[in-house]
Amino acid sequence: MAKTLVGIVTSDARDKTITVTVTTRQTHPIYGKQYTVSRKYTAHDENNEAHIGDKVHIVETRPVSKTKSFKLKLIEEKSKGSVELKDEVEA
């Protein structure tokens, strides 16, 4: 069974490639405290559909390149867009 992960796209600068950050919560085996672990995966995006901030599902596949072993399955939620602040106008 292929591994499926859910994460946020952090980079879409390369052609047909996205970088997805997957965050999980783990419990320390001795102390019992929970902590977050973030891992970055590069995934194959054939049609350049995903953009920064999108929540995506990626699925494990045969190696596409040296670093890519995942491909984009679906885009669960599109990003709402980034907020850009206007430069103050000197009066």
C-alpha atoms as a PDB file:
ATOM      1  CA  MET A   1       0.000   0.000   0.000  1.00  0.00           C
ATOM      2  CA  ALA A   2       1.381   3.392  -0.973  1.00  0.00           C
ATOM      3  CA  LYS A   3       2.001   5.965   1.725  1.00  0.00           C
ATOM      4  CA  THR A   4      -0.260   9.040   1.549  1.00  0.00           C
ATOM      5  CA  LEU A   5       0.672  12.285   3.317  1.00  0.00           C
ATOM      6  CA  VAL A   6      -1.128  15.613   3.817  1.00  0.00           C
ATOM      7  CA  GLY A   7       0.828  18.851   3.967  1.00  0.00           C
ATOM      8  CA  ILE A   8       1.213  22.477   2.931  1.00  0.00           C
ATOM      9  CA  VAL A   9       3.067  23.553  -0.218  1.00  0.00           C
ATOM     10  CA  THR A  10       6.038  25.724   0.773  1.00  0.00           C
ATOM     11  CA  SER A  11       7.654  26.120  -2.652  1.00  0.00           C
ATOM     12  CA  ASP A  12       6.541  25.858  -6.264  1.00  0.00           C
ATOM     13  CA  ALA A  13       9.488  27.602  -7.921  1.00  0.00           C
ATOM     14  CA  ARG A  14      10.771  24.574  -9.850  1.00  0.00           C
ATOM     15  CA  ASP A  15       9.077  23.246 -12.970  1.00  0.00           C
ATOM     16  CA  LYS A  16       6.800  20.237 -12.276  1.00  0.00           C
ATOM     17  CA  THR A  17       8.067  20.056  -8.667  1.00  0.00           C
ATOM     18  CA  ILE A  18       6.583  21.216  -5.371  1.00  0.00           C
ATOM     19  CA  THR A  19       8.033  21.155  -1.871  1.00  0.00           C
ATOM     20  CA  VAL A  20       5.513  19.992   0.731  1.00  0.00           C
ATOM     21  CA  THR A  21       5.965  20.435   4.489  1.00  0.00           C
ATOM     22  CA  VAL A  22       4.237  17.732   6.533  1.00  0.00           C
ATOM     23  CA  THR A  23       3.842  18.388  10.275  1.00  0.00           C
ATOM     24  CA  THR A  24       2.998  15.631  12.736  1.00  0.00           C
ATOM     25  CA  ARG A  25       2.663  15.486  16.511  1.00  0.00           C
ATOM     26  CA  GLN A  26       4.648  12.862  18.391  1.00  0.00           C
ATOM     27  CA  THR A  27       4.832  11.865  22.033  1.00  0.00           C
ATOM     28  CA  HIS A  28       8.214  11.520  23.724  1.00  0.00           C
ATOM     29  CA  PRO A  29       8.684   7.890  24.793  1.00  0.00           C
ATOM     30  CA  ILE A  30       9.997   8.669  28.289  1.00  0.00           C
ATOM     31  CA  TYR A  31       8.628  12.099  29.270  1.00  0.00           C
ATOM     32  CA  GLY A  32       5.217  11.800  27.599  1.00  0.00           C
ATOM     33  CA  LYS A  33       5.355  15.378  26.294  1.00  0.00           C
ATOM     34  CA  GLN A  34       4.016  16.030  22.798  1.00  0.00           C
ATOM     35  CA  TYR A  35       6.067  17.907  20.219  1.00  0.00           C
ATOM     36  CA  THR A  36       5.739  18.739  16.525  1.00  0.00           C
ATOM     37  CA  VAL A  37       7.941  17.277  13.820  1.00  0.00           C
ATOM     38  CA  SER A  38       8.147  18.955  10.396  1.00  0.00           C
ATOM     39  CA  ARG A  39       9.463  17.104   7.361  1.00  0.00           C
ATOM     40  CA  LYS A  40       9.879  18.380   3.817  1.00  0.00           C
ATOM     41  CA  TYR A  41       9.142  16.225   0.793  1.00  0.00           C
ATOM     42  CA  THR A  42       9.589  17.053  -2.879  1.00  0.00           C
ATOM     43  CA  ALA A  43       6.689  15.875  -5.039  1.00  0.00           C
ATOM     44  CA  HIS A  44       6.046  15.630  -8.760  1.00  0.00           C
ATOM     45  CA  ASP A  45       3.360  18.065  -9.994  1.00  0.00           C
ATOM     46  CA  GLU A  46       2.870  17.263 -13.688  1.00  0.00           C
ATOM     47  CA  ASN A  47       0.645  20.229 -14.596  1.00  0.00           C
ATOM     48  CA  ASN A  48       2.042  22.832 -12.136  1.00  0.00           C
ATOM     49  CA  GLU A  49      -1.380  23.004 -10.437  1.00  0.00           C
ATOM     50  CA  ALA A  50      -0.347  23.518  -6.799  1.00  0.00           C
ATOM     51  CA  HIS A  51       0.904  26.842  -5.473  1.00  0.00           C
ATOM     52  CA  ILE A  52       2.346  28.130  -2.195  1.00  0.00           C
ATOM     53  CA  GLY A  53      -0.052  27.756   0.737  1.00  0.00           C
ATOM     54  CA  ASP A  54      -2.230  25.025  -0.797  1.00  0.00           C
ATOM     55  CA  LYS A  55      -3.132  22.012   1.343  1.00  0.00           C
ATOM     56  CA  VAL A  56      -2.342  18.914  -0.722  1.00  0.00           C
ATOM     57  CA  HIS A  57      -2.325  15.111  -0.603  1.00  0.00           C
ATOM     58  CA  ILE A  58       0.827  13.420  -1.937  1.00  0.00           C
ATOM     59  CA  VAL A  59       1.225   9.708  -2.590  1.00  0.00           C
ATOM     60  CA  GLU A  60       4.372   7.587  -2.678  1.00  0.00           C
ATOM     61  CA  THR A  61       5.454   6.396  -6.119  1.00  0.00           C
ATOM     62  CA  ARG A  62       8.515   5.056  -7.907  1.00  0.00           C
ATOM     63  CA  PRO A  63      11.450   7.515  -7.860  1.00  0.00           C
ATOM     64  CA  VAL A  64      10.965  10.246 -10.454  1.00  0.00           C
ATOM     65  CA  SER A  65      14.358  11.807  -9.765  1.00  0.00           C
ATOM     66  CA  LYS A  66      17.093  11.760  -7.124  1.00  0.00           C
ATOM     67  CA  THR A  67      14.917  13.553  -4.548  1.00  0.00           C
ATOM     68  CA  LYS A  68      11.338  12.974  -5.782  1.00  0.00           C
ATOM     69  CA  SER A  69       9.540   9.809  -4.632  1.00  0.00           C
ATOM     70  CA  PHE A  70       6.068  11.338  -4.236  1.00  0.00           C
ATOM     71  CA  LYS A  71       3.513  12.712  -6.676  1.00  0.00           C
ATOM     72  CA  LEU A  72       0.602  15.101  -6.224  1.00  0.00           C
ATOM     73  CA  LYS A  73      -2.669  13.243  -5.671  1.00  0.00           C
ATOM     74  CA  LEU A  74      -5.122  16.083  -5.074  1.00  0.00           C
ATOM     75  CA  ILE A  75      -5.360  19.665  -3.891  1.00  0.00           C
ATOM     76  CA  GLU A  76      -7.615  19.650  -0.830  1.00  0.00           C
ATOM     77  CA  GLU A  77      -7.732  23.396  -0.230  1.00  0.00           C
ATOM     78  CA  LYS A  78      -6.441  26.321  -2.277  1.00  0.00           C
ATOM     79  CA  SER A  79      -4.644  29.112  -0.419  1.00  0.00           C
ATOM     80  CA  LYS A  80      -6.547  32.299   0.237  1.00  0.00           C
ATOM     81  CA  GLY A  81      -3.667  34.378  -1.109  1.00  0.00           C
ATOM     82  CA  SER A  82      -0.980  36.337   0.652  1.00  0.00           C
ATOM     83  CA  VAL A  83      -1.463  39.713   2.289  1.00  0.00           C
ATOM     84  CA  GLU A  84       0.791  42.425   0.947  1.00  0.00           C
ATOM     85  CA  LEU A  85       1.148  45.697   2.819  1.00  0.00           C
ATOM     86  CA  LYS A  86       1.173  48.870   0.760  1.00  0.00           C
ATOM     87  CA  ASP A  87       4.142  51.177   1.069  1.00  0.00           C
ATOM     88  CA  GLU A  88       3.328  54.321   3.006  1.00  0.00           C
ATOM     89  CA  VAL A  89       2.776  57.295   0.764  1.00  0.00           C
ATOM     90  CA  GLU A  90       4.884  60.285   1.697  1.00  0.00           C
ATOM     91  CA  ALA A  91       2.675  63.350   1.886  1.00  0.00           C
END
